[in-house]
C-alpha atoms as a PDB file:
ATOM      1  CA  MET A   1     106.177  92.853 112.034  1.00  0.00           C
ATOM      2  CA  THR A   2     103.238  95.273 111.900  1.00  0.00           C
ATOM      3  CA  ALA A   3     103.503  98.477 109.872  1.00  0.00           C
ATOM      4  CA  ASP A   4     102.941 101.883 111.461  1.00  0.00           C
ATOM      5  CA  PRO A   5      99.415 102.968 110.438  1.00  0.00           C
ATOM      6  CA  THR A   6     100.743 106.440 109.571  1.00  0.00           C
ATOM      7  CA  THR A   7     103.128 105.086 106.921  1.00  0.00           C
ATOM      8  CA  PRO A   8     102.272 103.074 103.808  1.00  0.00           C
ATOM      9  CA  ASP A   9     102.771  99.322 103.835  1.00  0.00           C
ATOM     10  CA  LEU A  10     104.921  98.707 100.760  1.00  0.00           C
ATOM     11  CA  GLY A  11     104.016  95.008 100.704  1.00  0.00           C
ATOM     12  CA  PRO A  12     101.017  95.250  98.343  1.00  0.00           C
ATOM     13  CA  GLN A  13     102.940  97.357  95.826  1.00  0.00           C
ATOM     14  CA  ALA A  14     105.996  95.089  96.073  1.00  0.00           C
ATOM     15  CA  ARG A  15     103.787  92.092  95.324  1.00  0.00           C
ATOM     16  CA  THR A  16     102.226  93.900  92.365  1.00  0.00           C
ATOM     17  CA  LEU A  17     105.678  94.569  90.982  1.00  0.00           C
ATOM     18  CA  ALA A  18     106.732  90.954  91.514  1.00  0.00           C
ATOM     19  CA  ARG A  19     103.669  89.775  89.574  1.00  0.00           C
ATOM     20  CA  LEU A  20     104.499  92.131  86.716  1.00  0.00           C
ATOM     21  CA  ALA A  21     108.072  90.825  86.613  1.00  0.00           C
ATOM     22  CA  GLU A  22     106.779  87.260  86.568  1.00  0.00           C
ATOM     23  CA  GLY A  23     104.727  88.143  83.500  1.00  0.00           C
ATOM     24  CA  VAL A  24     107.767  89.291  81.494  1.00  0.00           C
ATOM     25  CA  SER A  25     108.784  86.742  78.884  1.00  0.00           C
ATOM     26  CA  ASP A  26     112.403  86.350  77.844  1.00  0.00           C
ATOM     27  CA  ALA A  27     111.404  87.592  74.381  1.00  0.00           C
ATOM     28  CA  ARG A  28     110.597  91.029  75.840  1.00  0.00           C
ATOM     29  CA  LEU A  29     113.817  91.608  77.767  1.00  0.00           C
ATOM     30  CA  ALA A  30     115.334  93.728  74.985  1.00  0.00           C
ATOM     31  CA  ASP A  31     112.186  95.830  74.456  1.00  0.00           C
ATOM     32  CA  PRO A  32     112.266  99.601  75.135  1.00  0.00           C
ATOM     33  CA  THR A  33     110.756 101.145  78.262  1.00  0.00           C
ATOM     34  CA  PRO A  34     109.619 104.666  79.154  1.00  0.00           C
ATOM     35  CA  CYS A  35     112.995 105.065  80.932  1.00  0.00           C
ATOM     36  CA  PRO A  36     115.422 106.610  78.431  1.00  0.00           C
ATOM     37  CA  ASP A  37     118.220 104.239  77.405  1.00  0.00           C
ATOM     38  CA  LEU A  38     116.867 101.353  79.503  1.00  0.00           C
ATOM     39  CA  ALA A  39     115.511  98.162  77.970  1.00  0.00           C
ATOM     40  CA  VAL A  40     113.216  95.912  79.985  1.00  0.00           C
ATOM     41  CA  ARG A  41     116.178  93.866  81.225  1.00  0.00           C
ATOM     42  CA  ASN A  42     117.911  97.028  82.468  1.00  0.00           C
ATOM     43  CA  LEU A  43     114.766  98.197  84.226  1.00  0.00           C
ATOM     44  CA  LEU A  44     114.477  94.815  85.954  1.00  0.00           C
ATOM     45  CA  GLY A  45     118.137  95.069  86.958  1.00  0.00           C
ATOM     46  CA  HIS A  46     117.510  98.548  88.341  1.00  0.00           C
ATOM     47  CA  LEU A  47     114.540  97.311  90.345  1.00  0.00           C
ATOM     48  CA  THR A  48     116.628  94.500  91.827  1.00  0.00           C
ATOM     49  CA  GLY A  49     119.391  96.900  92.817  1.00  0.00           C
ATOM     50  CA  LEU A  50     117.079  99.522  94.290  1.00  0.00           C
ATOM     51  CA  ALA A  51     115.188  96.892  96.290  1.00  0.00           C
ATOM     52  CA  VAL A  52     118.463  95.795  97.887  1.00  0.00           C
ATOM     53  CA  ALA A  53     119.632  99.382  98.466  1.00  0.00           C
ATOM     54  CA  PHE A  54     116.398 100.580 100.053  1.00  0.00           C
ATOM     55  CA  ARG A  55     116.043  97.378 102.087  1.00  0.00           C
ATOM     56  CA  ASP A  56     119.429  98.109 103.601  1.00  0.00           C
ATOM     57  CA  ALA A  57     118.570 101.803 103.965  1.00  0.00           C
ATOM     58  CA  ALA A  58     115.491 100.830 105.993  1.00  0.00           C
ATOM     59  CA  ARG A  59     117.609  98.590 108.197  1.00  0.00           C
ATOM     60  CA  LYS A  60     120.249 101.354 108.502  1.00  0.00           C
ATOM     61  CA  GLU A  61     122.801  98.834 107.217  1.00  0.00           C
ATOM     62  CA  LEU A  62     124.862 101.390 105.335  1.00  0.00           C
ATOM     63  CA  GLY A  63     127.652 100.321 103.021  1.00  0.00           C
ATOM     64  CA  ALA A  64     128.306  99.440  99.401  1.00  0.00           C
ATOM     65  CA  THR A  65     124.649  98.797  98.586  1.00  0.00           C
ATOM     66  CA  THR A  66     123.516 102.194  99.889  1.00  0.00           C
ATOM     67  CA  ASP A  67     126.561 104.224  98.818  1.00  0.00           C
ATOM     68  CA  THR A  68     126.517 103.469  95.086  1.00  0.00           C
ATOM     69  CA  SER A  69     124.823 105.950  92.770  1.00  0.00           C
ATOM     70  CA  PRO A  70     122.199 104.344  90.493  1.00  0.00           C
ATOM     71  CA  GLU A  71     123.870 106.199  87.635  1.00  0.00           C
ATOM     72  CA  ALA A  72     127.261 104.560  88.241  1.00  0.00           C
ATOM     73  CA  ALA A  73     126.562 101.871  85.615  1.00  0.00           C
ATOM     74  CA  VAL A  74     123.761 100.630  83.395  1.00  0.00           C
ATOM     75  CA  PRO A  75     121.932  98.006  85.468  1.00  0.00           C
ATOM     76  CA  ASP A  76     121.270  94.539  84.130  1.00  0.00           C
ATOM     77  CA  ILE A  77     119.777  91.268  85.287  1.00  0.00           C
ATOM     78  CA  GLY A  78     121.705  88.202  86.343  1.00  0.00           C
ATOM     79  CA  PRO A  79     120.845  84.588  85.471  1.00  0.00           C
ATOM     80  CA  GLY A  80     118.796  84.137  88.659  1.00  0.00           C
ATOM     81  CA  TRP A  81     116.791  87.345  88.449  1.00  0.00           C
ATOM     82  CA  ARG A  82     113.394  85.595  88.363  1.00  0.00           C
ATOM     83  CA  GLU A  83     114.039  84.206  91.846  1.00  0.00           C
ATOM     84  CA  GLU A  84     116.078  87.128  93.170  1.00  0.00           C
ATOM     85  CA  LEU A  85     113.747  90.022  92.334  1.00  0.00           C
ATOM     86  CA  PRO A  86     110.624  88.796  94.189  1.00  0.00           C
ATOM     87  CA  LYS A  87     112.816  87.752  97.115  1.00  0.00           C
ATOM     88  CA  VAL A  88     114.433  91.158  97.567  1.00  0.00           C
ATOM     89  CA  LEU A  89     111.114  92.939  96.974  1.00  0.00           C
ATOM     90  CA  GLY A  90     109.647  90.930  99.858  1.00  0.00           C
ATOM     91  CA  GLU A  91     112.627  91.786 102.051  1.00  0.00           C
ATOM     92  CA  LEU A  92     112.278  95.450 101.118  1.00  0.00           C
ATOM     93  CA  ALA A  93     108.620  95.542 102.124  1.00  0.00           C
ATOM     94  CA  GLU A  94     109.319  93.761 105.400  1.00  0.00           C
ATOM     95  CA  ALA A  95     112.153  96.140 106.277  1.00  0.00           C
ATOM     96  CA  TRP A  96     109.913  99.182 105.773  1.00  0.00           C
ATOM     97  CA  ARG A  97     107.235  97.724 108.065  1.00  0.00           C
ATOM     98  CA  ASP A  98     109.545  98.571 110.970  1.00  0.00           C
ATOM     99  CA  PRO A  99     108.539 102.040 112.230  1.00  0.00           C
ATOM    100  CA  ALA A 100     112.227 102.730 112.958  1.00  0.00           C
ATOM    101  CA  ALA A 101     112.915 102.638 109.215  1.00  0.00           C
ATOM    102  CA  TRP A 102     110.929 105.866 108.832  1.00  0.00           C
ATOM    103  CA  THR A 103     112.842 107.743 111.545  1.00  0.00           C
ATOM    104  CA  GLY A 104     116.338 109.181 111.837  1.00  0.00           C
ATOM    105  CA  MET A 105     118.739 109.469 108.928  1.00  0.00           C
ATOM    106  CA  THR A 106     119.734 106.874 106.378  1.00  0.00           C
ATOM    107  CA  ARG A 107     121.401 106.695 102.969  1.00  0.00           C
ATOM    108  CA  ALA A 108     120.473 105.450  99.511  1.00  0.00           C
ATOM    109  CA  GLY A 109     122.177 106.007  96.180  1.00  0.00           C
ATOM    110  CA  GLY A 110     125.036 107.703  98.015  1.00  0.00           C
ATOM    111  CA  ILE A 111     122.703 110.417  99.347  1.00  0.00           C
ATOM    112  CA  ASP A 112     121.975 110.975 103.034  1.00  0.00           C
ATOM    113  CA  LEU A 113     118.288 111.610 103.700  1.00  0.00           C
ATOM    114  CA  PRO A 114     115.684 111.293 106.464  1.00  0.00           C
ATOM    115  CA  GLY A 115     114.063 107.900 106.817  1.00  0.00           C
ATOM    116  CA  GLU A 116     110.604 109.251 106.038  1.00  0.00           C
ATOM    117  CA  VAL A 117     111.880 110.773 102.787  1.00  0.00           C
ATOM    118  CA  ALA A 118     113.639 107.534 101.838  1.00  0.00           C
ATOM    119  CA  GLY A 119     110.384 105.666 102.421  1.00  0.00           C
ATOM    120  CA  ALA A 120     108.503 108.054 100.155  1.00  0.00           C
ATOM    121  CA  VAL A 121     111.200 107.737  97.504  1.00  0.00           C
ATOM    122  CA  VAL A 122     111.017 103.953  97.480  1.00  0.00           C
ATOM    123  CA  ALA A 123     107.208 104.083  97.260  1.00  0.00           C
ATOM    124  CA  ASP A 124     107.617 106.342  94.236  1.00  0.00           C
ATOM    125  CA  GLU A 125     110.211 104.050  92.668  1.00  0.00           C
ATOM    126  CA  LEU A 126     107.959 101.014  93.044  1.00  0.00           C
ATOM    127  CA  VAL A 127     104.888 102.784  91.671  1.00  0.00           C
ATOM    128  CA  ILE A 128     106.460 104.582  88.721  1.00  0.00           C
ATOM    129  CA  HIS A 129     108.744 101.743  87.685  1.00  0.00           C
ATOM    130  CA  GLY A 130     105.772  99.421  87.990  1.00  0.00           C
ATOM    131  CA  TRP A 131     104.037 101.593  85.411  1.00  0.00           C
ATOM    132  CA  ASP A 132     107.201 101.564  83.274  1.00  0.00           C
ATOM    133  CA  LEU A 133     107.353  97.780  83.345  1.00  0.00           C
ATOM    134  CA  ALA A 134     103.655  97.250  82.726  1.00  0.00           C
ATOM    135  CA  ARG A 135     103.553  99.704  79.847  1.00  0.00           C
ATOM    136  CA  ALA A 136     106.707  98.278  78.237  1.00  0.00           C
ATOM    137  CA  THR A 137     105.443  94.702  78.399  1.00  0.00           C
ATOM    138  CA  GLY A 138     101.750  95.235  77.644  1.00  0.00           C
ATOM    139  CA  GLN A 139     100.421  94.260  81.074  1.00  0.00           C
ATOM    140  CA  GLU A 140      97.524  95.675  83.061  1.00  0.00           C
ATOM    141  CA  TYR A 141      98.613  97.784  86.028  1.00  0.00           C
ATOM    142  CA  ASP A 142      96.715  98.641  89.197  1.00  0.00           C
ATOM    143  CA  PRO A 143      99.124 100.081  91.778  1.00  0.00           C
ATOM    144  CA  ASP A 144      98.446  99.929  95.492  1.00  0.00           C
ATOM    145  CA  PRO A 145      96.448 103.067  96.414  1.00  0.00           C
ATOM    146  CA  ALA A 146      98.509 103.932  99.509  1.00  0.00           C
ATOM    147  CA  ALA A 147     101.812 103.636  97.663  1.00  0.00           C
ATOM    148  CA  LEU A 148     100.406 105.614  94.728  1.00  0.00           C
ATOM    149  CA  GLN A 149      99.309 108.434  97.019  1.00  0.00           C
ATOM    150  CA  ALA A 150     102.726 108.511  98.714  1.00  0.00           C
ATOM    151  CA  ALA A 151     104.407 108.617  95.299  1.00  0.00           C
ATOM    152  CA  TYR A 152     102.123 111.391  94.069  1.00  0.00           C
ATOM    153  CA  ASP A 153     102.711 113.497  97.182  1.00  0.00           C
ATOM    154  CA  LEU A 154     106.493 113.199  96.770  1.00  0.00           C
ATOM    155  CA  LEU A 155     106.352 113.991  93.059  1.00  0.00           C
ATOM    156  CA  GLU A 156     104.038 116.960  93.566  1.00  0.00           C
ATOM    157  CA  ALA A 157     106.383 118.423  96.174  1.00  0.00           C
ATOM    158  CA  SER A 158     109.359 117.828  93.882  1.00  0.00           C
ATOM    159  CA  ALA A 159     107.611 119.565  90.978  1.00  0.00           C
ATOM    160  CA  GLU A 160     107.366 122.717  93.055  1.00  0.00           C
ATOM    161  CA  GLU A 161     111.124 122.879  93.592  1.00  0.00           C
ATOM    162  CA  ALA A 162     113.283 125.208  91.553  1.00  0.00           C
ATOM    163  CA  ASP A 163     115.762 123.812  89.024  1.00  0.00           C
ATOM    164  CA  ARG A 164     113.590 120.745  88.480  1.00  0.00           C
ATOM    165  CA  ASP A 165     115.593 119.625  85.430  1.00  0.00           C
ATOM    166  CA  ALA A 166     118.656 118.988  87.586  1.00  0.00           C
ATOM    167  CA  GLY A 167     116.826 116.844  90.105  1.00  0.00           C
ATOM    168  CA  MET A 168     116.082 113.152  90.323  1.00  0.00           C
ATOM    169  CA  PHE A 169     113.025 113.515  88.063  1.00  0.00           C
ATOM    170  CA  GLY A 170     112.690 114.794  84.533  1.00  0.00           C
ATOM    171  CA  PRO A 171     110.681 117.862  83.474  1.00  0.00           C
ATOM    172  CA  VAL A 172     106.974 117.573  84.221  1.00  0.00           C
ATOM    173  CA  VAL A 173     104.701 116.373  81.414  1.00  0.00           C
ATOM    174  CA  ALA A 174     101.413 118.267  81.477  1.00  0.00           C
ATOM    175  CA  VAL A 175      98.433 116.064  82.342  1.00  0.00           C
ATOM    176  CA  PRO A 176      94.801 117.241  82.764  1.00  0.00           C
ATOM    177  CA  ALA A 177      93.876 118.026  86.363  1.00  0.00           C
ATOM    178  CA  ASP A 178      90.950 115.606  86.195  1.00  0.00           C
ATOM    179  CA  ALA A 179      93.085 112.709  84.906  1.00  0.00           C
ATOM    180  CA  PRO A 180      93.422 109.583  87.086  1.00  0.00           C
ATOM    181  CA  LEU A 181      95.886 109.915  89.949  1.00  0.00           C
ATOM    182  CA  LEU A 182      98.276 107.426  88.321  1.00  0.00           C
ATOM    183  CA  ASP A 183      98.404 109.465  85.095  1.00  0.00           C
ATOM    184  CA  ARG A 184      99.068 112.634  87.095  1.00  0.00           C
ATOM    185  CA  ALA A 185     101.861 110.909  89.034  1.00  0.00           C
ATOM    186  CA  VAL A 186     103.371 109.590  85.800  1.00  0.00           C
ATOM    187  CA  GLY A 187     103.299 113.097  84.316  1.00  0.00           C
ATOM    188  CA  LEU A 188     104.943 114.548  87.419  1.00  0.00           C
ATOM    189  CA  SER A 189     107.679 111.929  87.093  1.00  0.00           C
ATOM    190  CA  GLY A 190     108.568 113.310  83.660  1.00  0.00           C
ATOM    191  CA  ARG A 191     106.853 110.574  81.648  1.00  0.00           C
ATOM    192  CA  ASP A 192     104.055 110.804  79.130  1.00  0.00           C
ATOM    193  CA  PRO A 193     101.097 108.656  80.270  1.00  0.00           C
ATOM    194  CA  ARG A 194     100.343 108.011  76.575  1.00  0.00           C
ATOM    195  CA  TRP A 195     103.721 106.316  76.019  1.00  0.00           C
ATOM    196  CA  THR A 196     103.607 103.044  74.115  1.00  0.00           C
ATOM    197  CA  PRO A 197     106.475 100.780  73.028  1.00  0.00           C
ATOM    198  CA  LEU A 198     107.710 100.849  69.467  1.00  0.00           C
ATOM    199  CA  ALA A 199     105.958  98.466  67.111  1.00  0.00           C
ATOM    200  CA  ARG A 200     107.490  95.007  67.399  1.00  0.00           C
END
């Protein structure tokens, strides 16, 4: 299936995330991440769950996977996560290559939203959580430029909304205007681009 040229192909970013996950050793699963209260294993569990939810949202297959709030329980990995995560990331990317995924209404995390907004949200999730995972596990990170731009645009628009603290993102962390786009996106997501894990 060929992606609509007006929407980002999530495949490159999904593959980047899969490579990062492959580089996580079992010894790092309990390490902290930039996500409050989430260890690496919880972040990986969250990524697996969101990939399934947004895959089904793209397909408009609404049900348990799209109705459950991500805050309903602390996510965790299962015994087969090393095979499952890259598989569902590939399915996610393929589902969003269908132009119909970006149209009409859908649902994710129990929230009804337009397809184009859901697509931007999943691009943001893949980019920012990719940074979370890379930073937590000491890996180099070079997100896909199209996905990064989509994430930045969504985050910038969100930052302009009132009552930001009650939204899906935390309070903005100030980042210099001439900082790299990834650092600016990370700051808009409520994270400090200078974050490093605690000394092991």
